[in-house]
Structures are given as C-alpha cells and as structure tokens.
Protein backbone atom coordinates (compact mmCIF):
# COMPACT_ATOMS: atom_id res chain seq x y z
CA MET A 1 0.05 -19.17 -0.83
CA ALA A 2 -1.73 -16.12 -2.23
CA GLU A 3 -3.10 -16.27 -5.75
CA GLU A 4 -4.37 -13.45 -7.94
CA ILE A 5 -7.84 -13.71 -9.45
CA LYS A 6 -7.81 -11.90 -12.78
CA ALA A 7 -10.53 -10.60 -15.06
CA HIS A 8 -10.68 -12.73 -18.20
CA ILE A 9 -12.51 -10.03 -20.17
CA THR A 10 -12.74 -6.23 -20.22
CA GLY A 11 -15.94 -5.07 -18.55
CA VAL A 12 -17.62 -3.19 -15.73
CA VAL A 13 -17.80 -4.65 -12.22
CA PHE A 14 -21.53 -5.38 -11.96
CA GLN A 15 -21.52 -7.10 -8.56
CA ILE A 16 -19.03 -8.16 -5.90
CA THR A 17 -20.32 -11.48 -4.60
CA ALA A 18 -17.62 -12.24 -2.02
CA LYS A 19 -16.02 -10.08 0.63
CA THR A 20 -12.70 -10.10 2.42
CA GLY A 21 -12.50 -13.09 4.73
CA ASP A 22 -15.13 -15.17 2.91
CA ARG A 23 -14.28 -18.83 2.26
CA VAL A 24 -14.88 -19.81 -1.35
CA SER A 25 -14.74 -23.09 -3.27
CA ALA A 26 -13.21 -23.63 -6.69
CA GLY A 27 -15.63 -22.25 -9.27
CA ASP A 28 -17.47 -19.87 -6.89
CA ALA A 29 -18.12 -16.44 -8.38
CA VAL A 30 -16.12 -13.75 -6.58
CA ILE A 31 -17.03 -10.88 -8.90
CA VAL A 32 -19.56 -10.51 -11.72
CA LEU A 33 -18.53 -8.43 -14.73
CA GLU A 34 -20.90 -6.92 -17.27
CA SER A 35 -19.76 -6.79 -20.87
CA MET A 36 -21.94 -6.26 -23.94
CA LYS A 37 -25.09 -6.58 -21.77
CA MET A 38 -24.00 -10.02 -20.50
CA GLU A 39 -23.11 -10.88 -16.91
CA ILE A 40 -19.92 -12.92 -16.69
CA PRO A 41 -18.72 -14.38 -13.37
CA VAL A 42 -15.06 -14.23 -12.38
CA GLU A 43 -14.58 -17.46 -10.46
CA ALA A 44 -12.17 -18.61 -7.78
CA PRO A 45 -9.60 -20.96 -9.34
CA ARG A 46 -9.40 -23.02 -6.13
CA ALA A 47 -10.80 -23.18 -2.61
CA GLY A 48 -9.49 -20.62 -0.15
CA ALA A 49 -10.22 -17.39 1.68
CA VAL A 50 -10.64 -14.02 -0.01
CA LYS A 51 -7.71 -11.91 1.21
CA GLU A 52 -8.44 -8.76 -0.75
CA ILE A 53 -10.94 -7.32 -3.23
CA ARG A 54 -9.22 -4.80 -5.49
CA VAL A 55 -12.20 -3.36 -7.37
CA LYS A 56 -15.44 -1.50 -6.67
CA GLU A 57 -18.87 -1.94 -8.25
CA GLY A 58 -19.17 0.25 -11.34
CA GLN A 59 -15.42 0.20 -12.01
CA THR A 60 -14.17 -0.69 -15.48
CA VAL A 61 -11.52 -3.42 -15.52
CA GLN A 62 -9.29 -4.61 -18.32
CA GLU A 63 -8.67 -8.19 -19.37
CA GLY A 64 -5.88 -9.62 -17.20
CA GLU A 65 -6.34 -7.08 -14.40
CA THR A 66 -6.20 -8.48 -10.86
CA VAL A 67 -9.63 -8.11 -9.23
CA ALA A 68 -9.05 -10.09 -6.02
CA ILE A 69 -6.46 -12.03 -4.02
CA LEU A 70 -7.15 -15.53 -2.71
CA GLU A 71 -5.27 -17.09 0.22
C-alpha cells in the first residue's frame, strides 16, 4: 500500500537522499530540508521502496506537503 511522506516543517529541499526505486528502512532520511540554517531530515515512516519523489533540490515546501511516495 502506498504511503505519502510529508514535510513536517516549512523549508527548502537541501538534498534528496533517496531516488525512485530505492529500498529504505523505517527512519531512513529520504529528503533533507533546510530551515533557519538547520538541516532537518524527512524520514521514511516504515520500510519500503520509494515510488516517487515529488520535489526538487532548492524547492520550497510547506509543512504537510507530500514530498515522496513510499510503496
């Protein structure tokens, strides 16, 4: 079942650490956001495969915005 991975803060996508098709474990960083000069990882809520990345590096995202889809 697909699950959305959402940004838990507003920030700029600093780094995309996983790509489509990658297998991730619960707690693995999928995306790193930068907010107020701090780097904050957005982590996979469970193990699975990354189905889709919905953001690009340098893009501003809002709290609650879907940044990736996990299968």
